[in-house]
C-alpha atoms as a PDB file:
ATOM      1  CA  MET A   1      41.581  56.733  91.108  1.00  0.00           C
ATOM      2  CA  THR A   2      42.286  54.070  88.536  1.00  0.00           C
ATOM      3  CA  ILE A   3      40.597  50.678  88.551  1.00  0.00           C
ATOM      4  CA  ASP A   4      43.939  49.048  89.390  1.00  0.00           C
ATOM      5  CA  ALA A   5      44.427  51.404  92.341  1.00  0.00           C
ATOM      6  CA  ALA A   6      40.921  50.685  93.585  1.00  0.00           C
ATOM      7  CA  ARG A   7      41.531  46.965  93.271  1.00  0.00           C
ATOM      8  CA  SER A   8      44.829  47.116  95.123  1.00  0.00           C
ATOM      9  CA  ALA A   9      43.224  49.169  97.934  1.00  0.00           C
ATOM     10  CA  ASP A  10      40.649  46.461  98.621  1.00  0.00           C
ATOM     11  CA  PRO A  11      41.902  43.197 100.056  1.00  0.00           C
ATOM     12  CA  PRO A  12      40.985  40.264  97.823  1.00  0.00           C
ATOM     13  CA  GLU A  13      37.951  38.290  98.915  1.00  0.00           C
ATOM     14  CA  ARG A  14      38.708  34.717  99.847  1.00  0.00           C
ATOM     15  CA  LEU A  15      36.386  31.776 100.114  1.00  0.00           C
ATOM     16  CA  PRO A  16      36.715  29.484 103.117  1.00  0.00           C
ATOM     17  CA  ALA A  17      38.925  26.453 102.439  1.00  0.00           C
ATOM     18  CA  HIS A  18      35.913  24.148 102.838  1.00  0.00           C
ATOM     19  CA  ASP A  19      34.027  25.989 100.066  1.00  0.00           C
ATOM     20  CA  VAL A  20      37.086  25.923  97.801  1.00  0.00           C
ATOM     21  CA  ARG A  21      37.494  22.195  98.391  1.00  0.00           C
ATOM     22  CA  LEU A  22      33.816  21.609  97.503  1.00  0.00           C
ATOM     23  CA  ARG A  23      34.186  23.593  94.274  1.00  0.00           C
ATOM     24  CA  LEU A  24      37.327  21.707  93.314  1.00  0.00           C
ATOM     25  CA  GLU A  25      35.750  18.359  94.097  1.00  0.00           C
ATOM     26  CA  HIS A  26      32.732  19.326  91.978  1.00  0.00           C
ATOM     27  CA  GLU A  27      35.088  20.223  89.111  1.00  0.00           C
ATOM     28  CA  ARG A  28      36.880  16.899  89.541  1.00  0.00           C
ATOM     29  CA  ASP A  29      33.587  14.967  89.498  1.00  0.00           C
ATOM     30  CA  SER A  30      32.508  16.825  86.359  1.00  0.00           C
ATOM     31  CA  ARG A  31      35.768  16.012  84.582  1.00  0.00           C
ATOM     32  CA  LEU A  32      35.614  12.362  85.639  1.00  0.00           C
ATOM     33  CA  SER A  33      32.067  12.167  84.236  1.00  0.00           C
ATOM     34  CA  GLN A  34      33.274  13.818  81.040  1.00  0.00           C
ATOM     35  CA  LEU A  35      36.135  11.336  80.772  1.00  0.00           C
ATOM     36  CA  SER A  36      33.756   8.424  81.320  1.00  0.00           C
ATOM     37  CA  ALA A  37      31.371   9.735  78.638  1.00  0.00           C
ATOM     38  CA  VAL A  38      34.268  10.124  76.187  1.00  0.00           C
ATOM     39  CA  GLU A  39      35.400   6.571  76.812  1.00  0.00           C
ATOM     40  CA  GLU A  40      31.836   5.254  76.363  1.00  0.00           C
ATOM     41  CA  ALA A  41      31.556   7.033  73.009  1.00  0.00           C
ATOM     42  CA  ALA A  42      34.733   5.410  71.703  1.00  0.00           C
ATOM     43  CA  ASP A  43      32.963   3.499  68.900  1.00  0.00           C
ATOM     44  CA  GLN A  44      31.008   6.529  67.692  1.00  0.00           C
ATOM     45  CA  ALA A  45      33.707   9.205  67.396  1.00  0.00           C
ATOM     46  CA  SER A  46      37.018   9.535  65.620  1.00  0.00           C
ATOM     47  CA  ALA A  47      40.152   8.448  67.444  1.00  0.00           C
ATOM     48  CA  ASP A  48      41.654  11.944  67.110  1.00  0.00           C
ATOM     49  CA  LEU A  49      38.631  13.602  68.715  1.00  0.00           C
ATOM     50  CA  LEU A  50      38.612  11.084  71.555  1.00  0.00           C
ATOM     51  CA  ALA A  51      42.324  11.606  72.167  1.00  0.00           C
ATOM     52  CA  VAL A  52      41.894  15.396  72.354  1.00  0.00           C
ATOM     53  CA  GLN A  53      38.921  15.148  74.701  1.00  0.00           C
ATOM     54  CA  THR A  54      40.638  12.580  76.916  1.00  0.00           C
ATOM     55  CA  ASP A  55      43.856  14.600  77.099  1.00  0.00           C
ATOM     56  CA  SER A  56      41.900  17.749  77.947  1.00  0.00           C
ATOM     57  CA  ALA A  57      39.941  16.078  80.749  1.00  0.00           C
ATOM     58  CA  ARG A  58      43.105  14.500  82.195  1.00  0.00           C
ATOM     59  CA  ARG A  59      44.981  17.825  82.045  1.00  0.00           C
ATOM     60  CA  VAL A  60      42.211  19.577  83.986  1.00  0.00           C
ATOM     61  CA  LEU A  61      42.087  16.720  86.510  1.00  0.00           C
ATOM     62  CA  ALA A  62      45.827  17.186  87.097  1.00  0.00           C
ATOM     63  CA  GLU A  63      45.311  20.954  87.528  1.00  0.00           C
ATOM     64  CA  ILE A  64      42.544  20.277  90.061  1.00  0.00           C
ATOM     65  CA  ASP A  65      44.821  17.937  92.011  1.00  0.00           C
ATOM     66  CA  LEU A  66      47.522  20.628  92.053  1.00  0.00           C
ATOM     67  CA  ALA A  67      44.966  23.195  93.274  1.00  0.00           C
ATOM     68  CA  LEU A  68      43.951  20.845  96.095  1.00  0.00           C
ATOM     69  CA  ALA A  69      47.636  20.515  97.028  1.00  0.00           C
ATOM     70  CA  ARG A  70      47.991  24.328  97.037  1.00  0.00           C
ATOM     71  CA  LEU A  71      44.934  24.518  99.278  1.00  0.00           C
ATOM     72  CA  GLU A  72      46.566  22.066 101.695  1.00  0.00           C
ATOM     73  CA  ASN A  73      49.916  23.867 101.790  1.00  0.00           C
ATOM     74  CA  GLY A  74      48.401  27.351 102.078  1.00  0.00           C
ATOM     75  CA  THR A  75      49.364  28.722  98.669  1.00  0.00           C
ATOM     76  CA  TYR A  76      45.937  28.435  97.024  1.00  0.00           C
ATOM     77  CA  GLY A  77      44.972  31.756  95.425  1.00  0.00           C
ATOM     78  CA  VAL A  78      48.561  32.974  95.082  1.00  0.00           C
ATOM     79  CA  CYS A  79      49.789  33.460  91.503  1.00  0.00           C
ATOM     80  CA  GLU A  80      52.674  31.127  90.657  1.00  0.00           C
ATOM     81  CA  GLY A  81      53.993  33.732  88.226  1.00  0.00           C
ATOM     82  CA  CYS A  82      54.139  36.980  90.201  1.00  0.00           C
ATOM     83  CA  GLY A  83      53.184  35.974  93.740  1.00  0.00           C
ATOM     84  CA  SER A  84      50.153  38.286  93.864  1.00  0.00           C
ATOM     85  CA  ALA A  85      46.726  37.215  94.992  1.00  0.00           C
ATOM     86  CA  ILE A  86      44.624  35.748  92.187  1.00  0.00           C
ATOM     87  CA  PRO A  87      41.353  37.741  92.104  1.00  0.00           C
ATOM     88  CA  ALA A  88      38.437  35.958  93.754  1.00  0.00           C
ATOM     89  CA  GLU A  89      36.386  36.459  90.587  1.00  0.00           C
ATOM     90  CA  ARG A  90      38.909  34.443  88.588  1.00  0.00           C
ATOM     91  CA  LEU A  91      38.930  31.671  91.181  1.00  0.00           C
ATOM     92  CA  GLU A  92      35.130  31.567  91.137  1.00  0.00           C
ATOM     93  CA  ILE A  93      35.180  30.983  87.382  1.00  0.00           C
ATOM     94  CA  LEU A  94      38.269  28.768  87.306  1.00  0.00           C
ATOM     95  CA  PRO A  95      38.822  27.412  90.833  1.00  0.00           C
ATOM     96  CA  TYR A  96      41.971  25.558  89.813  1.00  0.00           C
ATOM     97  CA  ALA A  97      43.685  28.638  88.319  1.00  0.00           C
ATOM     98  CA  SER A  98      47.322  28.865  89.349  1.00  0.00           C
ATOM     99  CA  ARG A  99      48.110  32.231  87.768  1.00  0.00           C
ATOM    100  CA  CYS A 100      46.522  35.650  87.524  1.00  0.00           C
ATOM    101  CA  VAL A 101      45.229  36.630  84.072  1.00  0.00           C
ATOM    102  CA  GLY A 102      48.323  38.718  83.253  1.00  0.00           C
ATOM    103  CA  CYS A 103      50.786  35.961  84.088  1.00  0.00           C
ATOM    104  CA  GLN A 104      48.632  33.371  82.304  1.00  0.00           C
ATOM    105  CA  GLN A 105      48.642  35.503  79.139  1.00  0.00           C
ATOM    106  CA  ARG A 106      52.405  35.987  79.336  1.00  0.00           C
ATOM    107  CA  SER A 107      53.019  32.251  79.759  1.00  0.00           C
ATOM    108  CA  ALA A 108      50.834  31.262  76.798  1.00  0.00           C
END
């Protein structure tokens, strides 16, 4: 049996919505702290570096908000590319992921 066959035979593990929400809120708090630290360091760093860091933090905050919306409408954990379940392991590492690894690589 191949790894893919074994994976498809086992239903994907899912975290309770409450746990997912806590993880996403923790991610949001971390990014807001990061954004605050970047803004406080404005006099000490180059404008280009600050712009990149600020844009990155804001992009992730937007992704977290979208993940919270998916959680509310029942589509959290479903790949936006192929419609398959996003593996629980991926969501543990990146709780705001909207695509499985394959679809994410194809869209990059």
